[in-house]
PDB file of N, CA and C in Angstrom:
ATOM      1  N   UNK A   1      10.232  21.819  -7.663  1.00  0.00           N
ATOM      2  CA  UNK A   1       9.752  21.056  -6.910  1.00  0.00           C
ATOM      3  C   UNK A   1       8.938  21.243  -5.539  1.00  0.00           C
ATOM      4  N   UNK A   2       7.548  20.642  -6.073  1.00  0.00           N
ATOM      5  CA  UNK A   2       6.437  20.647  -4.312  1.00  0.00           C
ATOM      6  C   UNK A   2       6.632  20.019  -3.419  1.00  0.00           C
ATOM      7  N   UNK A   3       6.194  20.745  -2.237  1.00  0.00           N
ATOM      8  CA  UNK A   3       6.072  20.645  -0.690  1.00  0.00           C
ATOM      9  C   UNK A   3       5.033  19.453  -0.111  1.00  0.00           C
ATOM     10  N   UNK A   4       5.762  18.747  -0.237  1.00  0.00           N
ATOM     11  CA  UNK A   4       5.043  17.249   0.669  1.00  0.00           C
ATOM     12  C   UNK A   4       4.130  17.319   1.945  1.00  0.00           C
ATOM     13  N   UNK A   5       3.087  18.294   1.794  1.00  0.00           N
ATOM     14  CA  UNK A   5       2.173  18.850   3.228  1.00  0.00           C
ATOM     15  C   UNK A   5       1.474  17.584   3.596  1.00  0.00           C
ATOM     16  N   UNK A   6       1.049  16.746   2.956  1.00  0.00           N
ATOM     17  CA  UNK A   6       0.141  16.214   3.745  1.00  0.00           C
ATOM     18  C   UNK A   6       0.914  14.513   3.178  1.00  0.00           C
ATOM     19  N   UNK A   7       0.371  12.921   3.637  1.00  0.00           N
ATOM     20  CA  UNK A   7       0.684  11.367   3.351  1.00  0.00           C
ATOM     21  C   UNK A   7      -0.416  10.834   2.845  1.00  0.00           C
ATOM     22  N   UNK A   8      -0.836   9.779   2.033  1.00  0.00           N
ATOM     23  CA  UNK A   8      -1.877   8.936   2.487  1.00  0.00           C
ATOM     24  C   UNK A   8      -1.039   7.514   3.097  1.00  0.00           C
ATOM     25  N   UNK A   9      -1.175   7.072   3.854  1.00  0.00           N
ATOM     26  CA  UNK A   9      -0.845   5.224   3.626  1.00  0.00           C
ATOM     27  C   UNK A   9      -1.822   4.224   3.054  1.00  0.00           C
ATOM     28  N   UNK A  10      -1.256   3.685   2.151  1.00  0.00           N
ATOM     29  CA  UNK A  10      -2.079   2.226   1.805  1.00  0.00           C
ATOM     30  C   UNK A  10      -1.616   1.414   1.760  1.00  0.00           C
ATOM     31  N   UNK A  11      -2.439   0.533   1.244  1.00  0.00           N
ATOM     32  CA  UNK A  11      -1.993  -0.767   1.462  1.00  0.00           C
ATOM     33  C   UNK A  11      -2.792  -1.403   2.816  1.00  0.00           C
ATOM     34  N   UNK A  12      -2.147  -2.279   3.382  1.00  0.00           N
ATOM     35  CA  UNK A  12      -2.534  -3.587   4.168  1.00  0.00           C
ATOM     36  C   UNK A  12      -2.542  -3.685   5.552  1.00  0.00           C
ATOM     37  N   UNK A  13      -2.308  -4.547   6.417  1.00  0.00           N
ATOM     38  CA  UNK A  13      -1.782  -4.483   8.052  1.00  0.00           C
ATOM     39  C   UNK A  13      -0.192  -4.118   8.312  1.00  0.00           C
ATOM     40  N   UNK A  14       0.783  -4.186   7.659  1.00  0.00           N
ATOM     41  CA  UNK A  14       1.827  -3.245   7.405  1.00  0.00           C
ATOM     42  C   UNK A  14       1.317  -1.901   7.915  1.00  0.00           C
ATOM     43  N   UNK A  15      -0.103  -0.903   7.899  1.00  0.00           N
ATOM     44  CA  UNK A  15       0.441   0.248   8.532  1.00  0.00           C
ATOM     45  C   UNK A  15      -1.216   0.468   8.698  1.00  0.00           C
ATOM     46  N   UNK A  16      -2.127  -0.550   8.391  1.00  0.00           N
ATOM     47  CA  UNK A  16      -3.241  -0.222   9.466  1.00  0.00           C
ATOM     48  C   UNK A  16      -2.993  -0.848  10.526  1.00  0.00           C
ATOM     49  N   UNK A  17      -2.182  -0.711  11.158  1.00  0.00           N
ATOM     50  CA  UNK A  17      -1.397  -1.994  12.561  1.00  0.00           C
ATOM     51  C   UNK A  17      -2.620  -2.026  13.938  1.00  0.00           C
ATOM     52  N   UNK A  18      -3.188  -1.020  14.350  1.00  0.00           N
ATOM     53  CA  UNK A  18      -3.933  -0.867  15.010  1.00  0.00           C
ATOM     54  C   UNK A  18      -4.468  -1.846  16.196  1.00  0.00           C
ATOM     55  N   UNK A  19      -5.117  -2.613  15.665  1.00  0.00           N
ATOM     56  CA  UNK A  19      -5.834  -4.238  16.171  1.00  0.00           C
ATOM     57  C   UNK A  19      -4.586  -5.025  16.621  1.00  0.00           C
ATOM     58  N   UNK A  20      -3.407  -4.873  16.605  1.00  0.00           N
ATOM     59  CA  UNK A  20      -2.714  -5.784  16.712  1.00  0.00           C
ATOM     60  C   UNK A  20      -1.075  -5.044  17.899  1.00  0.00           C
ATOM     61  N   UNK A  21      -1.205  -3.782  17.896  1.00  0.00           N
ATOM     62  CA  UNK A  21      -0.577  -3.497  18.951  1.00  0.00           C
ATOM     63  C   UNK A  21      -1.521  -2.543  19.755  1.00  0.00           C
ATOM     64  N   UNK A  22       0.040  -2.461  20.582  1.00  0.00           N
ATOM     65  CA  UNK A  22      -1.190  -1.360  22.349  1.00  0.00           C
ATOM     66  C   UNK A  22      -1.113  -0.375  21.481  1.00  0.00           C
ATOM     67  N   UNK A  23      -2.160  -0.213  22.435  1.00  0.00           N
ATOM     68  CA  UNK A  23      -2.709   1.820  22.545  1.00  0.00           C
ATOM     69  C   UNK A  23      -1.655   2.890  22.066  1.00  0.00           C
ATOM     70  N   UNK A  24      -1.828   2.829  21.153  1.00  0.00           N
ATOM     71  CA  UNK A  24      -1.132   4.529  20.693  1.00  0.00           C
ATOM     72  C   UNK A  24       0.041   4.593  20.225  1.00  0.00           C
ATOM     73  N   UNK A  25       0.660   3.004  19.691  1.00  0.00           N
ATOM     74  CA  UNK A  25       2.030   2.469  18.897  1.00  0.00           C
ATOM     75  C   UNK A  25       0.880   2.177  17.350  1.00  0.00           C
ATOM     76  N   UNK A  26       0.137   2.123  16.876  1.00  0.00           N
ATOM     77  CA  UNK A  26       0.023   1.910  14.914  1.00  0.00           C
ATOM     78  C   UNK A  26       0.721   3.122  14.567  1.00  0.00           C
ATOM     79  N   UNK A  27       1.245   1.842  13.549  1.00  0.00           N
ATOM     80  CA  UNK A  27       1.783   3.325  12.833  1.00  0.00           C
ATOM     81  C   UNK A  27       1.222   4.861  12.337  1.00  0.00           C
ATOM     82  N   UNK A  28      -0.196   5.166  11.825  1.00  0.00           N
ATOM     83  CA  UNK A  28      -0.507   6.513  12.583  1.00  0.00           C
ATOM     84  C   UNK A  28      -0.482   6.960  13.560  1.00  0.00           C
ATOM     85  N   UNK A  29      -0.976   6.442  14.984  1.00  0.00           N
ATOM     86  CA  UNK A  29      -0.573   7.273  16.001  1.00  0.00           C
ATOM     87  C   UNK A  29       1.388   6.856  16.281  1.00  0.00           C
ATOM     88  N   UNK A  30       1.966   6.623  15.613  1.00  0.00           N
ATOM     89  CA  UNK A  30       3.669   7.193  16.040  1.00  0.00           C
ATOM     90  C   UNK A  30       3.791   8.371  15.232  1.00  0.00           C
ATOM     91  N   UNK A  31       2.871   8.225  13.861  1.00  0.00           N
ATOM     92  CA  UNK A  31       3.447   9.974  12.437  1.00  0.00           C
ATOM     93  C   UNK A  31       2.860  10.499  12.779  1.00  0.00           C
ATOM     94  N   UNK A  32       1.600  10.518  13.792  1.00  0.00           N
ATOM     95  CA  UNK A  32       1.069  12.159  14.621  1.00  0.00           C
ATOM     96  C   UNK A  32       2.195  12.425  15.541  1.00  0.00           C
ATOM     97  N   UNK A  33       2.819  11.685  16.247  1.00  0.00           N
ATOM     98  CA  UNK A  33       3.862  11.911  17.764  1.00  0.00           C
ATOM     99  C   UNK A  33       4.622  12.691  16.860  1.00  0.00           C
ATOM    100  N   UNK A  34       5.566  12.309  15.905  1.00  0.00           N
ATOM    101  CA  UNK A  34       6.696  12.085  15.328  1.00  0.00           C
ATOM    102  C   UNK A  34       6.371  13.916  13.566  1.00  0.00           C
ATOM    103  N   UNK A  35       5.687  13.344  13.330  1.00  0.00           N
ATOM    104  CA  UNK A  35       5.431  14.376  12.170  1.00  0.00           C
ATOM    105  C   UNK A  35       4.641  15.665  12.245  1.00  0.00           C
ATOM    106  N   UNK A  36       4.273  17.613  11.419  1.00  0.00           N
ATOM    107  CA  UNK A  36       3.362  18.022  11.633  1.00  0.00           C
ATOM    108  C   UNK A  36       2.951  17.846   9.961  1.00  0.00           C
ATOM    109  N   UNK A  37       3.147  16.536   9.335  1.00  0.00           N
ATOM    110  CA  UNK A  37       2.867  16.276   8.041  1.00  0.00           C
ATOM    111  C   UNK A  37       1.041  15.703   8.563  1.00  0.00           C
ATOM    112  N   UNK A  38       0.150  16.120   7.664  1.00  0.00           N
ATOM    113  CA  UNK A  38      -1.069  15.497   7.938  1.00  0.00           C
ATOM    114  C   UNK A  38      -1.333  14.036   7.158  1.00  0.00           C
ATOM    115  N   UNK A  39      -1.384  13.403   8.115  1.00  0.00           N
ATOM    116  CA  UNK A  39      -1.470  11.785   7.460  1.00  0.00           C
ATOM    117  C   UNK A  39      -3.190  11.419   7.126  1.00  0.00           C
ATOM    118  N   UNK A  40      -3.600  10.372   6.030  1.00  0.00           N
ATOM    119  CA  UNK A  40      -4.676  10.085   6.270  1.00  0.00           C
ATOM    120  C   UNK A  40      -4.409   8.545   6.262  1.00  0.00           C
ATOM    121  N   UNK A  41      -4.953   8.076   7.377  1.00  0.00           N
ATOM    122  CA  UNK A  41      -5.107   5.410   7.352  1.00  0.00           C
ATOM    123  C   UNK A  41      -6.164   5.636   5.909  1.00  0.00           C
ATOM    124  N   UNK A  42      -5.196   5.328   4.945  1.00  0.00           N
ATOM    125  CA  UNK A  42      -6.170   4.492   3.483  1.00  0.00           C
ATOM    126  C   UNK A  42      -5.678   3.221   3.660  1.00  0.00           C
ATOM    127  N   UNK A  43      -5.145   2.152   3.873  1.00  0.00           N
ATOM    128  CA  UNK A  43      -4.378   1.333   4.388  1.00  0.00           C
ATOM    129  C   UNK A  43      -5.810   0.880   4.934  1.00  0.00           C
ATOM    130  N   UNK A  44      -5.768  -0.559   4.284  1.00  0.00           N
ATOM    131  CA  UNK A  44      -6.959  -1.456   5.409  1.00  0.00           C
ATOM    132  C   UNK A  44      -6.620  -2.962   5.399  1.00  0.00           C
ATOM    133  N   UNK A  45      -6.234  -3.461   6.981  1.00  0.00           N
ATOM    134  CA  UNK A  45      -6.178  -4.998   7.400  1.00  0.00           C
ATOM    135  C   UNK A  45      -7.406  -5.302   6.259  1.00  0.00           C
ATOM    136  N   UNK A  46      -6.051  -6.726   5.833  1.00  0.00           N
ATOM    137  CA  UNK A  46      -6.798  -7.392   4.451  1.00  0.00           C
ATOM    138  C   UNK A  46      -7.169  -6.852   3.493  1.00  0.00           C
ATOM    139  N   UNK A  47      -6.227  -6.034   3.464  1.00  0.00           N
ATOM    140  CA  UNK A  47      -6.944  -5.206   1.776  1.00  0.00           C
ATOM    141  C   UNK A  47      -5.556  -5.820   1.479  1.00  0.00           C
ATOM    142  N   UNK A  48      -5.939  -6.072  -0.412  1.00  0.00           N
ATOM    143  CA  UNK A  48      -4.838  -7.002  -1.243  1.00  0.00           C
ATOM    144  C   UNK A  48      -4.793  -6.351  -2.214  1.00  0.00           C
ATOM    145  N   UNK A  49      -3.691  -6.063  -3.379  1.00  0.00           N
ATOM    146  CA  UNK A  49      -3.408  -5.507  -3.866  1.00  0.00           C
ATOM    147  C   UNK A  49      -4.030  -4.834  -4.889  1.00  0.00           C
ATOM    148  N   UNK A  50      -4.838  -4.757  -5.029  1.00  0.00           N
ATOM    149  CA  UNK A  50      -6.478  -5.262  -5.937  1.00  0.00           C
ATOM    150  C   UNK A  50      -7.624  -4.342  -5.362  1.00  0.00           C
ATOM    151  N   UNK A  51      -7.411  -4.735  -3.956  1.00  0.00           N
ATOM    152  CA  UNK A  51      -7.962  -3.902  -3.568  1.00  0.00           C
ATOM    153  C   UNK A  51      -7.488  -2.466  -2.603  1.00  0.00           C
ATOM    154  N   UNK A  52      -6.490  -2.266  -2.759  1.00  0.00           N
ATOM    155  CA  UNK A  52      -5.172  -0.552  -3.585  1.00  0.00           C
ATOM    156  C   UNK A  52      -5.560   0.089  -4.065  1.00  0.00           C
ATOM    157  N   UNK A  53      -5.373  -0.699  -6.058  1.00  0.00           N
ATOM    158  CA  UNK A  53      -5.506  -0.429  -6.917  1.00  0.00           C
ATOM    159  C   UNK A  53      -7.366   0.147  -7.054  1.00  0.00           C
ATOM    160  N   UNK A  54      -8.566  -0.778  -6.078  1.00  0.00           N
ATOM    161  CA  UNK A  54      -9.679   0.179  -6.199  1.00  0.00           C
ATOM    162  C   UNK A  54      -8.968   1.331  -5.202  1.00  0.00           C
ATOM    163  N   UNK A  55      -8.763   1.619  -4.335  1.00  0.00           N
ATOM    164  CA  UNK A  55      -8.943   3.211  -3.657  1.00  0.00           C
ATOM    165  C   UNK A  55      -7.671   3.610  -3.678  1.00  0.00           C
ATOM    166  N   UNK A  56      -7.554   3.859  -4.989  1.00  0.00           N
ATOM    167  CA  UNK A  56      -6.708   4.745  -6.004  1.00  0.00           C
ATOM    168  C   UNK A  56      -7.483   4.989  -7.407  1.00  0.00           C
ATOM    169  N   UNK A  57      -7.856   3.965  -7.733  1.00  0.00           N
ATOM    170  CA  UNK A  57      -9.457   4.623  -8.302  1.00  0.00           C
ATOM    171  C   UNK A  57     -10.836   5.173  -7.634  1.00  0.00           C
ATOM    172  N   UNK A  58     -11.160   5.508  -7.060  1.00  0.00           N
ATOM    173  CA  UNK A  58     -11.330   5.946  -6.140  1.00  0.00           C
ATOM    174  C   UNK A  58     -11.056   7.219  -6.103  1.00  0.00           C
ATOM    175  N   UNK A  59      -9.988   7.549  -5.563  1.00  0.00           N
ATOM    176  CA  UNK A  59      -9.345   8.231  -5.488  1.00  0.00           C
ATOM    177  C   UNK A  59      -8.988   9.511  -6.269  1.00  0.00           C
ATOM    178  N   UNK A  60      -9.981   9.080  -7.975  1.00  0.00           N
ATOM    179  CA  UNK A  60     -10.195  10.178  -8.868  1.00  0.00           C
ATOM    180  C   UNK A  60      -8.374  10.598  -9.574  1.00  0.00           C
ATOM    181  N   UNK A  61      -8.952  11.374 -10.645  1.00  0.00           N
ATOM    182  CA  UNK A  61      -7.340  11.971 -11.289  1.00  0.00           C
ATOM    183  C   UNK A  61      -7.286  13.687 -10.467  1.00  0.00           C
ATOM    184  N   UNK A  62      -8.340  13.456  -9.375  1.00  0.00           N
ATOM    185  CA  UNK A  62      -7.669  15.164  -9.088  1.00  0.00           C
ATOM    186  C   UNK A  62      -6.218  14.457  -8.120  1.00  0.00           C
ATOM    187  N   UNK A  63      -4.987  15.936  -9.250  1.00  0.00           N
ATOM    188  CA  UNK A  63      -4.760  16.086  -9.093  1.00  0.00           C
ATOM    189  C   UNK A  63      -4.427  16.925  -7.432  1.00  0.00           C
ATOM    190  N   UNK A  64      -2.915  15.934  -6.944  1.00  0.00           N
ATOM    191  CA  UNK A  64      -3.099  16.819  -5.342  1.00  0.00           C
ATOM    192  C   UNK A  64      -1.319  16.904  -5.347  1.00  0.00           C
ATOM    193  N   UNK A  65      -0.376  17.994  -5.759  1.00  0.00           N
ATOM    194  CA  UNK A  65       0.749  17.395  -5.834  1.00  0.00           C
ATOM    195  C   UNK A  65       1.461  17.730  -4.344  1.00  0.00           C
ATOM    196  N   UNK A  66       0.537  18.160  -3.293  1.00  0.00           N
ATOM    197  CA  UNK A  66       1.294  18.265  -2.543  1.00  0.00           C
ATOM    198  C   UNK A  66       1.361  17.638  -1.063  1.00  0.00           C
ATOM    199  N   UNK A  67       0.635  16.205  -1.960  1.00  0.00           N
ATOM    200  CA  UNK A  67       0.087  14.948  -1.187  1.00  0.00           C
ATOM    201  C   UNK A  67       1.003  13.830  -1.503  1.00  0.00           C
ATOM    202  N   UNK A  68       2.490  13.007  -0.441  1.00  0.00           N
ATOM    203  CA  UNK A  68       2.710  11.309  -1.077  1.00  0.00           C
ATOM    204  C   UNK A  68       2.491  10.639  -0.306  1.00  0.00           C
ATOM    205  N   UNK A  69       3.222   9.486  -0.936  1.00  0.00           N
ATOM    206  CA  UNK A  69       2.281   8.468  -0.498  1.00  0.00           C
ATOM    207  C   UNK A  69       3.270   6.870   0.392  1.00  0.00           C
ATOM    208  N   UNK A  70       2.505   6.511   1.108  1.00  0.00           N
ATOM    209  CA  UNK A  70       3.476   5.235   1.311  1.00  0.00           C
ATOM    210  C   UNK A  70       2.660   4.157   1.104  1.00  0.00           C
ATOM    211  N   UNK A  71       3.309   3.120   1.405  1.00  0.00           N
ATOM    212  CA  UNK A  71       2.537   1.671   0.521  1.00  0.00           C
ATOM    213  C   UNK A  71       3.116   0.435   1.263  1.00  0.00           C
ATOM    214  N   UNK A  72       2.327  -0.050   1.560  1.00  0.00           N
ATOM    215  CA  UNK A  72       2.690  -1.789   1.341  1.00  0.00           C
ATOM    216  C   UNK A  72       1.648  -2.634   0.988  1.00  0.00           C
ATOM    217  N   UNK A  73       1.717  -3.213   0.686  1.00  0.00           N
ATOM    218  CA  UNK A  73       0.587  -4.259  -0.954  1.00  0.00           C
ATOM    219  C   UNK A  73       0.911  -5.857  -0.592  1.00  0.00           C
ATOM    220  N   UNK A  74       0.828  -6.724  -0.650  1.00  0.00           N
ATOM    221  CA  UNK A  74       1.090  -7.911  -1.010  1.00  0.00           C
ATOM    222  C   UNK A  74       1.618  -9.318  -0.520  1.00  0.00           C
ATOM    223  N   UNK A  75       1.221  -8.915   1.501  1.00  0.00           N
ATOM    224  CA  UNK A  75       1.008  -9.978   1.709  1.00  0.00           C
ATOM    225  C   UNK A  75      -0.298 -10.832   1.773  1.00  0.00           C
ATOM    226  N   UNK A  76      -0.770  -9.743   1.973  1.00  0.00           N
ATOM    227  CA  UNK A  76      -2.728 -10.823   2.317  1.00  0.00           C
ATOM    228  C   UNK A  76      -2.839 -11.242   0.129  1.00  0.00           C
ATOM    229  N   UNK A  77      -2.497 -10.782  -0.487  1.00  0.00           N
ATOM    230  CA  UNK A  77      -2.206 -11.821  -1.670  1.00  0.00           C
ATOM    231  C   UNK A  77      -1.490 -13.090  -1.564  1.00  0.00           C
ATOM    232  N   UNK A  78      -0.293 -12.975  -0.750  1.00  0.00           N
ATOM    233  CA  UNK A  78       0.559 -14.289  -0.607  1.00  0.00           C
ATOM    234  C   UNK A  78      -1.090 -15.245   0.453  1.00  0.00           C
ATOM    235  N   UNK A  79      -1.433 -14.760   1.006  1.00  0.00           N
ATOM    236  CA  UNK A  79      -1.511 -15.588   2.329  1.00  0.00           C
ATOM    237  C   UNK A  79      -3.450 -16.100   0.847  1.00  0.00           C
ATOM    238  N   UNK A  80      -3.566 -14.835   0.839  1.00  0.00           N
ATOM    239  CA  UNK A  80      -5.581 -15.799  -0.400  1.00  0.00           C
ATOM    240  C   UNK A  80      -4.210 -16.837  -1.165  1.00  0.00           C
ATOM    241  N   UNK A  81      -3.140 -16.192  -1.957  1.00  0.00           N
ATOM    242  CA  UNK A  81      -2.659 -18.358  -2.391  1.00  0.00           C
ATOM    243  C   UNK A  81      -1.921 -19.066  -1.859  1.00  0.00           C
ATOM    244  N   UNK A  82      -1.507 -18.925  -0.490  1.00  0.00           N
ATOM    245  CA  UNK A  82      -1.534 -20.004   0.121  1.00  0.00           C
ATOM    246  C   UNK A  82      -0.742 -21.404   0.279  1.00  0.00           C
ATOM    247  N   UNK A  83      -2.324 -21.762   0.089  1.00  0.00           N
ATOM    248  CA  UNK A  83      -2.570 -23.354  -0.873  1.00  0.00           C
ATOM    249  C   UNK A  83      -1.160 -23.484  -2.105  1.00  0.00           C
ATOM    250  N   UNK A  84      -1.969 -21.927  -3.257  1.00  0.00           N
ATOM    251  CA  UNK A  84      -1.373 -22.306  -3.916  1.00  0.00           C
ATOM    252  C   UNK A  84      -0.174 -22.817  -3.560  1.00  0.00           C
ATOM    253  N   UNK A  85       0.551 -21.450  -2.963  1.00  0.00           N
ATOM    254  CA  UNK A  85       1.922 -21.843  -2.918  1.00  0.00           C
ATOM    255  C   UNK A  85       2.434 -22.473  -1.955  1.00  0.00           C
ATOM    256  N   UNK A  86       2.081 -23.395  -1.510  1.00  0.00           N
ATOM    257  CA  UNK A  86       2.677 -24.388  -0.706  1.00  0.00           C
ATOM    258  C   UNK A  86       2.391 -25.770  -1.586  1.00  0.00           C
ATOM    259  N   UNK A  87       1.789 -25.838  -2.554  1.00  0.00           N
ATOM    260  CA  UNK A  87       2.247 -27.129  -3.265  1.00  0.00           C
ATOM    261  C   UNK A  87       3.045 -27.044  -4.407  1.00  0.00           C
ATOM    262  N   UNK A  88       2.595 -26.059  -5.367  1.00  0.00           N
ATOM    263  CA  UNK A  88       4.381 -25.333  -6.779  1.00  0.00           C
ATOM    264  C   UNK A  88       5.588 -24.526  -6.272  1.00  0.00           C
ATOM    265  N   UNK A  89       4.881 -23.746  -4.927  1.00  0.00           N
ATOM    266  CA  UNK A  89       6.774 -22.727  -5.121  1.00  0.00           C
ATOM    267  C   UNK A  89       7.826 -23.708  -4.672  1.00  0.00           C
ATOM    268  N   UNK A  90       7.510 -24.322  -4.454  1.00  0.00           N
ATOM    269  CA  UNK A  90       9.037 -25.091  -4.335  1.00  0.00           C
ATOM    270  C   UNK A  90       9.338 -25.843  -5.790  1.00  0.00           C
ATOM    271  N   UNK A  91       8.276 -26.025  -6.413  1.00  0.00           N
ATOM    272  CA  UNK A  91       9.311 -26.811  -7.701  1.00  0.00           C
ATOM    273  C   UNK A  91       9.063 -25.562  -8.828  1.00  0.00           C
ATOM    274  N   UNK A  92       8.119 -24.570  -8.342  1.00  0.00           N
ATOM    275  CA  UNK A  92       8.513 -23.305  -9.346  1.00  0.00           C
ATOM    276  C   UNK A  92       8.389 -21.252  -8.739  1.00  0.00           C
ATOM    277  N   UNK A  93       9.573 -22.180  -8.643  1.00  0.00           N
ATOM    278  CA  UNK A  93       9.440 -20.637  -6.997  1.00  0.00           C
ATOM    279  C   UNK A  93       9.492 -19.497  -8.673  1.00  0.00           C
ATOM    280  N   UNK A  94      10.304 -18.963  -9.526  1.00  0.00           N
ATOM    281  CA  UNK A  94      10.428 -17.725  -9.829  1.00  0.00           C
ATOM    282  C   UNK A  94       9.527 -17.796 -10.792  1.00  0.00           C
ATOM    283  N   UNK A  95       8.507 -18.405 -10.601  1.00  0.00           N
ATOM    284  CA  UNK A  95       7.115 -18.344 -11.400  1.00  0.00           C
ATOM    285  C   UNK A  95       6.380 -17.701 -10.526  1.00  0.00           C
ATOM    286  N   UNK A  96       6.088 -17.917  -9.100  1.00  0.00           N
ATOM    287  CA  UNK A  96       5.743 -17.723  -8.147  1.00  0.00           C
ATOM    288  C   UNK A  96       5.438 -15.261  -8.214  1.00  0.00           C
ATOM    289  N   UNK A  97       7.711 -16.030  -8.009  1.00  0.00           N
ATOM    290  CA  UNK A  97       8.162 -14.916  -7.497  1.00  0.00           C
ATOM    291  C   UNK A  97       7.525 -13.659  -8.955  1.00  0.00           C
ATOM    292  N   UNK A  98       7.739 -13.864 -10.258  1.00  0.00           N
ATOM    293  CA  UNK A  98       7.283 -13.013 -11.368  1.00  0.00           C
ATOM    294  C   UNK A  98       5.628 -12.884 -11.569  1.00  0.00           C
ATOM    295  N   UNK A  99       5.014 -13.203 -10.242  1.00  0.00           N
ATOM    296  CA  UNK A  99       3.958 -13.070 -10.540  1.00  0.00           C
ATOM    297  C   UNK A  99       3.602 -12.431  -9.320  1.00  0.00           C
ATOM    298  N   UNK A 100       4.416 -12.040  -8.522  1.00  0.00           N
ATOM    299  CA  UNK A 100       4.111 -11.073  -7.580  1.00  0.00           C
ATOM    300  C   UNK A 100       4.803  -9.270  -8.022  1.00  0.00           C
ATOM    301  N   UNK A 101       5.543 -10.253  -8.519  1.00  0.00           N
ATOM    302  CA  UNK A 101       6.740  -8.165  -8.787  1.00  0.00           C
ATOM    303  C   UNK A 101       5.674  -8.369  -9.589  1.00  0.00           C
ATOM    304  N   UNK A 102       5.159  -8.457 -10.405  1.00  0.00           N
ATOM    305  CA  UNK A 102       4.368  -8.075 -11.592  1.00  0.00           C
ATOM    306  C   UNK A 102       2.632  -7.295 -10.790  1.00  0.00           C
ATOM    307  N   UNK A 103       2.281  -7.423  -9.664  1.00  0.00           N
ATOM    308  CA  UNK A 103       1.549  -7.166  -9.055  1.00  0.00           C
ATOM    309  C   UNK A 103       1.627  -5.289  -8.467  1.00  0.00           C
ATOM    310  N   UNK A 104       2.991  -6.217  -7.692  1.00  0.00           N
ATOM    311  CA  UNK A 104       3.244  -4.795  -7.335  1.00  0.00           C
ATOM    312  C   UNK A 104       4.083  -3.912  -8.636  1.00  0.00           C
ATOM    313  N   UNK A 105       4.757  -3.584  -9.292  1.00  0.00           N
ATOM    314  CA  UNK A 105       5.013  -3.092  -9.954  1.00  0.00           C
ATOM    315  C   UNK A 105       4.311  -2.445 -10.808  1.00  0.00           C
ATOM    316  N   UNK A 106       3.061  -2.775 -11.048  1.00  0.00           N
ATOM    317  CA  UNK A 106       1.612  -2.457 -11.800  1.00  0.00           C
ATOM    318  C   UNK A 106       1.342  -1.422 -10.909  1.00  0.00           C
ATOM    319  N   UNK A 107       1.023  -2.041 -10.113  1.00  0.00           N
ATOM    320  CA  UNK A 107       0.083  -0.785  -8.675  1.00  0.00           C
ATOM    321  C   UNK A 107       1.285   0.407  -9.214  1.00  0.00           C
ATOM    322  N   UNK A 108       2.909   0.079  -8.296  1.00  0.00           N
ATOM    323  CA  UNK A 108       3.343   1.305  -8.524  1.00  0.00           C
ATOM    324  C   UNK A 108       3.413   2.378  -8.919  1.00  0.00           C
ATOM    325  N   UNK A 109       3.405   1.446 -10.954  1.00  0.00           N
ATOM    326  CA  UNK A 109       3.211   2.337 -12.117  1.00  0.00           C
ATOM    327  C   UNK A 109       1.878   3.093 -11.975  1.00  0.00           C
ATOM    328  N   UNK A 110       1.381   3.205 -11.415  1.00  0.00           N
ATOM    329  CA  UNK A 110      -0.178   3.173 -11.258  1.00  0.00           C
ATOM    330  C   UNK A 110      -0.152   4.484 -10.088  1.00  0.00           C
ATOM    331  N   UNK A 111       0.848   3.841  -9.112  1.00  0.00           N
ATOM    332  CA  UNK A 111       1.484   5.354  -8.251  1.00  0.00           C
ATOM    333  C   UNK A 111       1.273   6.665  -9.291  1.00  0.00           C
ATOM    334  N   UNK A 112       2.706   6.510 -10.202  1.00  0.00           N
ATOM    335  CA  UNK A 112       3.202   7.431 -10.163  1.00  0.00           C
ATOM    336  C   UNK A 112       2.835   7.287 -11.526  1.00  0.00           C
ATOM    337  N   UNK A 113       2.446   7.025 -12.330  1.00  0.00           N
ATOM    338  CA  UNK A 113       1.332   7.563 -13.091  1.00  0.00           C
ATOM    339  C   UNK A 113       0.716   9.193 -12.740  1.00  0.00           C
ATOM    340  N   UNK A 114      -0.048   8.939 -11.613  1.00  0.00           N
ATOM    341  CA  UNK A 114      -1.822   9.684 -10.371  1.00  0.00           C
ATOM    342  C   UNK A 114      -0.417  10.296 -10.626  1.00  0.00           C
ATOM    343  N   UNK A 115       0.908  10.327  -9.735  1.00  0.00           N
ATOM    344  CA  UNK A 115       1.512  11.490  -9.868  1.00  0.00           C
ATOM    345  C   UNK A 115       2.059  12.087 -10.110  1.00  0.00           C
ATOM    346  N   UNK A 116       3.302  11.726 -11.448  1.00  0.00           N
ATOM    347  CA  UNK A 116       3.270  12.699 -12.568  1.00  0.00           C
ATOM    348  C   UNK A 116       2.032  13.592 -12.854  1.00  0.00           C
ATOM    349  N   UNK A 117       1.274  13.208 -13.084  1.00  0.00           N
ATOM    350  CA  UNK A 117      -0.197  14.177 -13.900  1.00  0.00           C
ATOM    351  C   UNK A 117      -0.489  15.275 -12.454  1.00  0.00           C
ATOM    352  N   UNK A 118      -0.289  15.191 -11.196  1.00  0.00           N
ATOM    353  CA  UNK A 118      -0.622  16.266 -10.234  1.00  0.00           C
ATOM    354  C   UNK A 118       0.385  17.444 -10.406  1.00  0.00           C
ATOM    355  N   UNK A 119       1.752  17.218 -11.117  1.00  0.00           N
ATOM    356  CA  UNK A 119       2.590  18.670 -11.296  1.00  0.00           C
ATOM    357  C   UNK A 119       2.889  18.654 -12.997  1.00  0.00           C
TER     358      UNK A 119
END
């Protein structure tokens, strides 16, 4: 079992929330206060699932078995499609749920593949 020495935060404003909270209260600030583990804020306010895929691609396949990840995605995907959702979601809620679930599961699989290549 590999010991986690650092954590990458990936995703959107749920993790990159400094502009929405008081100084020192951002997720990254709270983690720094509580944990001796190094944390990298790779999440970007406004990023979508596709943007997170791009960040993963930029990270490459260089294994870092000691790095864990926290991921928060999907909110901005929903916001970007809100007009479609409002027009048709009530008629086809399962269809939209499947679309968002597919994006999230694809991203999670990509992260897991990268993680398994590290061991």
